[in-house]
C-alpha atoms as a PDB file:
ATOM      1  CA  MET A   1     156.375  88.598 201.068  1.00  0.00           C
ATOM      2  CA  THR A   2     154.913  85.141 200.576  1.00  0.00           C
ATOM      3  CA  LYS A   3     153.052  84.131 197.491  1.00  0.00           C
ATOM      4  CA  ARG A   4     149.445  83.057 198.025  1.00  0.00           C
ATOM      5  CA  LYS A   5     148.703  79.651 196.588  1.00  0.00           C
ATOM      6  CA  TRP A   6     145.151  78.824 195.468  1.00  0.00           C
ATOM      7  CA  ASN A   7     143.803  75.329 195.784  1.00  0.00           C
ATOM      8  CA  ILE A   8     140.436  73.610 195.859  1.00  0.00           C
ATOM      9  CA  LYS A   9     139.968  74.393 199.580  1.00  0.00           C
ATOM     10  CA  SER A  10     140.479  78.102 198.909  1.00  0.00           C
ATOM     11  CA  PHE A  11     138.059  77.959 196.015  1.00  0.00           C
ATOM     12  CA  LEU A  12     135.375  76.204 198.067  1.00  0.00           C
ATOM     13  CA  LEU A  13     135.868  78.688 200.904  1.00  0.00           C
ATOM     14  CA  GLY A  14     135.326  81.524 198.412  1.00  0.00           C
ATOM     15  CA  VAL A  15     132.150  79.933 197.072  1.00  0.00           C
ATOM     16  CA  GLY A  16     130.962  79.374 200.650  1.00  0.00           C
ATOM     17  CA  LEU A  17     131.543  83.022 201.484  1.00  0.00           C
ATOM     18  CA  MET A  18     129.562  84.027 198.397  1.00  0.00           C
ATOM     19  CA  CYS A  19     126.617  82.134 199.839  1.00  0.00           C
ATOM     20  CA  LEU A  20     126.610  84.642 202.677  1.00  0.00           C
ATOM     21  CA  LEU A  21     126.138  87.540 200.257  1.00  0.00           C
ATOM     22  CA  PRO A  22     122.677  88.883 199.505  1.00  0.00           C
ATOM     23  CA  VAL A  23     120.963  86.812 196.807  1.00  0.00           C
ATOM     24  CA  GLU A  24     121.065  89.601 194.207  1.00  0.00           C
ATOM     25  CA  ASN A  25     124.882  89.893 194.503  1.00  0.00           C
ATOM     26  CA  THR A  26     125.340  86.134 194.215  1.00  0.00           C
ATOM     27  CA  MET A  27     123.019  85.998 191.183  1.00  0.00           C
ATOM     28  CA  ALA A  28     124.945  88.829 189.516  1.00  0.00           C
ATOM     29  CA  PHE A  29     128.162  86.837 189.945  1.00  0.00           C
ATOM     30  CA  PHE A  30     126.655  83.736 188.350  1.00  0.00           C
ATOM     31  CA  ASP A  31     125.107  85.824 185.542  1.00  0.00           C
ATOM     32  CA  SER A  32     128.628  87.010 184.716  1.00  0.00           C
ATOM     33  CA  MET A  33     129.617  83.375 184.135  1.00  0.00           C
ATOM     34  CA  LYS A  34     126.930  82.692 181.499  1.00  0.00           C
ATOM     35  CA  VAL A  35     128.251  81.262 178.258  1.00  0.00           C
ATOM     36  CA  ASN A  36     126.091  81.556 175.152  1.00  0.00           C
ATOM     37  CA  LEU A  37     126.090  78.155 173.457  1.00  0.00           C
ATOM     38  CA  PHE A  38     123.555  79.107 170.763  1.00  0.00           C
ATOM     39  CA  SER A  39     121.681  82.377 170.354  1.00  0.00           C
ATOM     40  CA  ASP A  40     117.950  82.225 169.799  1.00  0.00           C
ATOM     41  CA  MET A  41     117.172  81.415 166.193  1.00  0.00           C
ATOM     42  CA  GLN A  42     114.351  80.613 163.879  1.00  0.00           C
ATOM     43  CA  GLY A  43     114.000  79.386 160.355  1.00  0.00           C
ATOM     44  CA  ILE A  44     112.176  77.373 157.768  1.00  0.00           C
ATOM     45  CA  VAL A  45     112.974  73.990 156.239  1.00  0.00           C
ATOM     46  CA  THR A  46     112.037  73.661 152.565  1.00  0.00           C
ATOM     47  CA  MET A  47     112.368  71.121 149.775  1.00  0.00           C
ATOM     48  CA  ASN A  48     112.195  72.472 146.238  1.00  0.00           C
ATOM     49  CA  GLY A  49     110.927  75.716 147.772  1.00  0.00           C
ATOM     50  CA  ASN A  50     108.008  74.074 149.585  1.00  0.00           C
ATOM     51  CA  PRO A  51     107.748  73.968 153.413  1.00  0.00           C
ATOM     52  CA  VAL A  52     108.659  70.628 154.997  1.00  0.00           C
ATOM     53  CA  SER A  53     106.626  69.483 157.993  1.00  0.00           C
ATOM     54  CA  ASP A  54     107.771  66.925 160.568  1.00  0.00           C
ATOM     55  CA  ALA A  55     111.494  67.437 159.905  1.00  0.00           C
ATOM     56  CA  VAL A  56     113.568  67.094 163.079  1.00  0.00           C
ATOM     57  CA  VAL A  57     115.976  70.008 163.538  1.00  0.00           C
ATOM     58  CA  LYS A  58     118.688  69.172 166.110  1.00  0.00           C
ATOM     59  CA  ARG A  59     121.209  71.528 167.689  1.00  0.00           C
ATOM     60  CA  LEU A  60     124.477  70.411 169.278  1.00  0.00           C
ATOM     61  CA  ALA A  61     126.772  72.790 171.165  1.00  0.00           C
ATOM     62  CA  THR A  62     130.173  71.902 172.586  1.00  0.00           C
ATOM     63  CA  PRO A  63     131.956  74.653 174.551  1.00  0.00           C
ATOM     64  CA  ALA A  64     135.571  74.589 175.727  1.00  0.00           C
ATOM     65  CA  SER A  65     134.595  72.223 178.574  1.00  0.00           C
ATOM     66  CA  ASN A  66     133.786  69.571 175.901  1.00  0.00           C
ATOM     67  CA  LYS A  67     130.433  68.862 177.563  1.00  0.00           C
ATOM     68  CA  GLN A  68     127.761  68.473 174.881  1.00  0.00           C
ATOM     69  CA  PHE A  69     124.407  70.262 174.982  1.00  0.00           C
ATOM     70  CA  THR A  70     121.540  69.332 172.644  1.00  0.00           C
ATOM     71  CA  ASP A  71     117.953  70.216 171.879  1.00  0.00           C
ATOM     72  CA  SER A  72     115.580  69.597 168.977  1.00  0.00           C
ATOM     73  CA  PHE A  73     112.456  70.915 167.304  1.00  0.00           C
ATOM     74  CA  VAL A  74     109.977  69.235 164.926  1.00  0.00           C
ATOM     75  CA  THR A  75     108.892  71.557 162.114  1.00  0.00           C
ATOM     76  CA  LYS A  76     105.259  72.554 161.839  1.00  0.00           C
ATOM     77  CA  ALA A  77     103.103  72.326 158.690  1.00  0.00           C
ATOM     78  CA  ASP A  78     104.602  75.634 157.509  1.00  0.00           C
ATOM     79  CA  GLY A  79     108.138  74.192 157.790  1.00  0.00           C
ATOM     80  CA  ARG A  80     109.089  76.601 160.559  1.00  0.00           C
ATOM     81  CA  PHE A  81     111.254  75.953 163.590  1.00  0.00           C
ATOM     82  CA  GLN A  82     112.281  78.132 166.506  1.00  0.00           C
ATOM     83  CA  PHE A  83     114.819  77.723 169.281  1.00  0.00           C
ATOM     84  CA  ASP A  84     115.323  79.729 172.443  1.00  0.00           C
ATOM     85  CA  ARG A  85     118.778  80.757 173.546  1.00  0.00           C
ATOM     86  CA  MET A  86     120.921  77.862 174.831  1.00  0.00           C
ATOM     87  CA  GLU A  87     123.360  78.775 177.600  1.00  0.00           C
ATOM     88  CA  THR A  88     125.297  77.379 180.530  1.00  0.00           C
ATOM     89  CA  ASN A  89     127.514  78.680 183.314  1.00  0.00           C
ATOM     90  CA  SER A  90     131.270  78.234 183.263  1.00  0.00           C
ATOM     91  CA  PHE A  91     134.016  79.307 185.626  1.00  0.00           C
ATOM     92  CA  LEU A  92     136.162  79.773 182.499  1.00  0.00           C
ATOM     93  CA  LYS A  93     134.023  82.849 181.743  1.00  0.00           C
ATOM     94  CA  ILE A  94     135.732  84.813 184.518  1.00  0.00           C
ATOM     95  CA  LEU A  95     138.938  84.700 182.458  1.00  0.00           C
ATOM     96  CA  PRO A  96     139.414  87.574 180.007  1.00  0.00           C
ATOM     97  CA  GLY A  97     138.347  87.075 176.392  1.00  0.00           C
ATOM     98  CA  ASP A  98     135.803  84.937 174.605  1.00  0.00           C
ATOM     99  CA  SER A  99     135.722  81.167 174.430  1.00  0.00           C
ATOM    100  CA  SER A 100     134.878  79.386 171.216  1.00  0.00           C
ATOM    101  CA  VAL A 101     131.825  77.128 170.974  1.00  0.00           C
ATOM    102  CA  TYR A 102     131.424  74.364 168.389  1.00  0.00           C
ATOM    103  CA  GLN A 103     127.868  74.508 167.012  1.00  0.00           C
ATOM    104  CA  LYS A 104     126.153  72.045 164.727  1.00  0.00           C
ATOM    105  CA  ILE A 105     122.600  71.807 163.406  1.00  0.00           C
ATOM    106  CA  THR A 106     121.336  68.781 161.519  1.00  0.00           C
ATOM    107  CA  ILE A 107     117.964  68.173 159.922  1.00  0.00           C
ATOM    108  CA  GLU A 108     116.511  64.690 159.716  1.00  0.00           C
ATOM    109  CA  TYR A 109     113.796  64.105 157.161  1.00  0.00           C
ATOM    110  CA  ASN A 110     112.565  60.945 155.383  1.00  0.00           C
ATOM    111  CA  GLY A 111     115.436  58.859 156.749  1.00  0.00           C
ATOM    112  CA  GLN A 112     118.143  61.279 155.595  1.00  0.00           C
ATOM    113  CA  SER A 113     120.326  63.593 157.639  1.00  0.00           C
ATOM    114  CA  TYR A 114     121.362  67.021 156.311  1.00  0.00           C
ATOM    115  CA  LEU A 115     124.131  69.262 157.651  1.00  0.00           C
ATOM    116  CA  ALA A 116     122.341  72.557 158.144  1.00  0.00           C
ATOM    117  CA  TRP A 117     124.854  74.615 160.161  1.00  0.00           C
ATOM    118  CA  GLU A 118     128.348  73.977 161.443  1.00  0.00           C
ATOM    119  CA  ILE A 119     130.628  76.588 162.937  1.00  0.00           C
ATOM    120  CA  LEU A 120     133.319  77.042 165.506  1.00  0.00           C
ATOM    121  CA  ALA A 121     131.820  80.254 166.854  1.00  0.00           C
ATOM    122  CA  ALA A 122     134.719  82.471 167.867  1.00  0.00           C
ATOM    123  CA  SER A 123     132.533  84.217 170.430  1.00  0.00           C
ATOM    124  CA  ASP A 124     130.473  82.884 173.283  1.00  0.00           C
ATOM    125  CA  ARG A 125     128.519  86.152 173.492  1.00  0.00           C
ATOM    126  CA  TYR A 126     124.792  86.341 172.828  1.00  0.00           C
ATOM    127  CA  LYS A 127     124.182  86.999 169.102  1.00  0.00           C
ATOM    128  CA  GLY A 128     127.912  86.503 168.508  1.00  0.00           C
ATOM    129  CA  GLU A 129     127.551  83.838 165.797  1.00  0.00           C
ATOM    130  CA  LEU A 130     126.724  86.200 162.932  1.00  0.00           C
ATOM    131  CA  ASN A 131     127.605  89.547 164.487  1.00  0.00           C
ATOM    132  CA  ASP A 132     131.016  91.085 164.620  1.00  0.00           C
ATOM    133  CA  ARG A 133     132.253  92.353 167.976  1.00  0.00           C
ATOM    134  CA  ASP A 134     131.841  95.953 166.799  1.00  0.00           C
ATOM    135  CA  VAL A 135     128.080  95.662 166.186  1.00  0.00           C
ATOM    136  CA  ILE A 136     127.076  93.741 169.339  1.00  0.00           C
ATOM    137  CA  GLY A 137     124.754  95.986 171.330  1.00  0.00           C
ATOM    138  CA  THR A 138     123.769  98.131 168.350  1.00  0.00           C
ATOM    139  CA  ASP A 139     120.734  98.126 166.084  1.00  0.00           C
ATOM    140  CA  LYS A 140     122.943  96.662 163.317  1.00  0.00           C
ATOM    141  CA  GLN A 141     122.736  93.134 164.732  1.00  0.00           C
ATOM    142  CA  VAL A 142     121.730  90.322 162.400  1.00  0.00           C
ATOM    143  CA  ASP A 143     119.033  88.059 163.825  1.00  0.00           C
ATOM    144  CA  ILE A 144     119.513  84.384 163.081  1.00  0.00           C
ATOM    145  CA  ASN A 145     116.659  83.661 160.695  1.00  0.00           C
ATOM    146  CA  LEU A 146     117.615  80.665 158.561  1.00  0.00           C
ATOM    147  CA  VAL A 147     116.330  79.233 155.298  1.00  0.00           C
ATOM    148  CA  CYS A 148     117.312  75.564 155.019  1.00  0.00           C
ATOM    149  CA  GLU A 149     116.637  74.144 151.546  1.00  0.00           C
ATOM    150  CA  LEU A 150     117.132  70.380 151.668  1.00  0.00           C
ATOM    151  CA  THR A 151     118.035  70.165 147.963  1.00  0.00           C
ATOM    152  CA  ALA A 152     120.740  72.850 148.298  1.00  0.00           C
ATOM    153  CA  LYS A 153     124.429  72.067 148.059  1.00  0.00           C
ATOM    154  CA  SER A 154     126.336  72.528 151.308  1.00  0.00           C
ATOM    155  CA  THR A 155     128.392  75.722 151.103  1.00  0.00           C
ATOM    156  CA  GLN A 156     130.550  77.887 153.334  1.00  0.00           C
ATOM    157  CA  LYS A 157     129.337  81.329 154.305  1.00  0.00           C
ATOM    158  CA  GLU A 158     130.982  84.264 156.070  1.00  0.00           C
ATOM    159  CA  ALA A 159     129.978  84.800 159.675  1.00  0.00           C
ATOM    160  CA  ALA A 160     131.242  87.252 162.278  1.00  0.00           C
ATOM    161  CA  GLY A 161     134.928  88.023 162.233  1.00  0.00           C
ATOM    162  CA  ILE A 162     136.910  85.003 161.067  1.00  0.00           C
ATOM    163  CA  SER A 163     134.134  82.428 161.577  1.00  0.00           C
ATOM    164  CA  VAL A 164     132.734  80.397 158.697  1.00  0.00           C
ATOM    165  CA  VAL A 165     129.377  78.605 158.687  1.00  0.00           C
ATOM    166  CA  SER A 166     129.145  75.394 156.632  1.00  0.00           C
ATOM    167  CA  GLY A 167     125.895  73.733 155.617  1.00  0.00           C
ATOM    168  CA  ILE A 168     122.737  74.126 153.563  1.00  0.00           C
ATOM    169  CA  CYS A 169     121.174  76.967 155.565  1.00  0.00           C
ATOM    170  CA  THR A 170     121.472  80.608 154.556  1.00  0.00           C
ATOM    171  CA  TRP A 171     120.298  83.873 156.122  1.00  0.00           C
ATOM    172  CA  THR A 172     119.622  87.404 154.928  1.00  0.00           C
ATOM    173  CA  ASN A 173     122.764  88.843 153.341  1.00  0.00           C
ATOM    174  CA  ALA A 174     124.739  85.595 153.741  1.00  0.00           C
ATOM    175  CA  ILE A 175     127.885  85.711 151.619  1.00  0.00           C
ATOM    176  CA  ILE A 176     128.829  82.366 150.084  1.00  0.00           C
ATOM    177  CA  ILE A 177     132.599  81.932 149.956  1.00  0.00           C
ATOM    178  CA  GLU A 178     132.770  78.435 148.482  1.00  0.00           C
END
């Protein structure tokens, strides 16, 4: 029995054959390769408890591929910001297990930059940042609703599993460990 060797030609042939499949089957395959870079989140930026308008909240995500993804939001008069889910496709997703994603949020206001959120998320699943594997898909999930007080000291907080979030932002039931 000979061993089959995969190479780039075999891979491209496989992708070409997928193009012959009905669109819904091809889309299902690509949906299975989605990597969650950041789950949807919302929050408020405050200074001394008062809402901060015109602060620039920036997200940076770096998955295992080391490609960087960014987006930003300027806070409204009520200090609020909101981000949709950030995701990409990766062939690494077809391998078993989760991939980690480096996530960072900074807030720029009055010429200063604040570290709001920094984590090496151990899961690339949707809502995986603050939710343990056991609660994903249940009504016990924690939504990411942040309070970012610019005068707060940066601390470390427990996240899902072994992950730790550093920065000035907190969320409901956040447990400060430092």
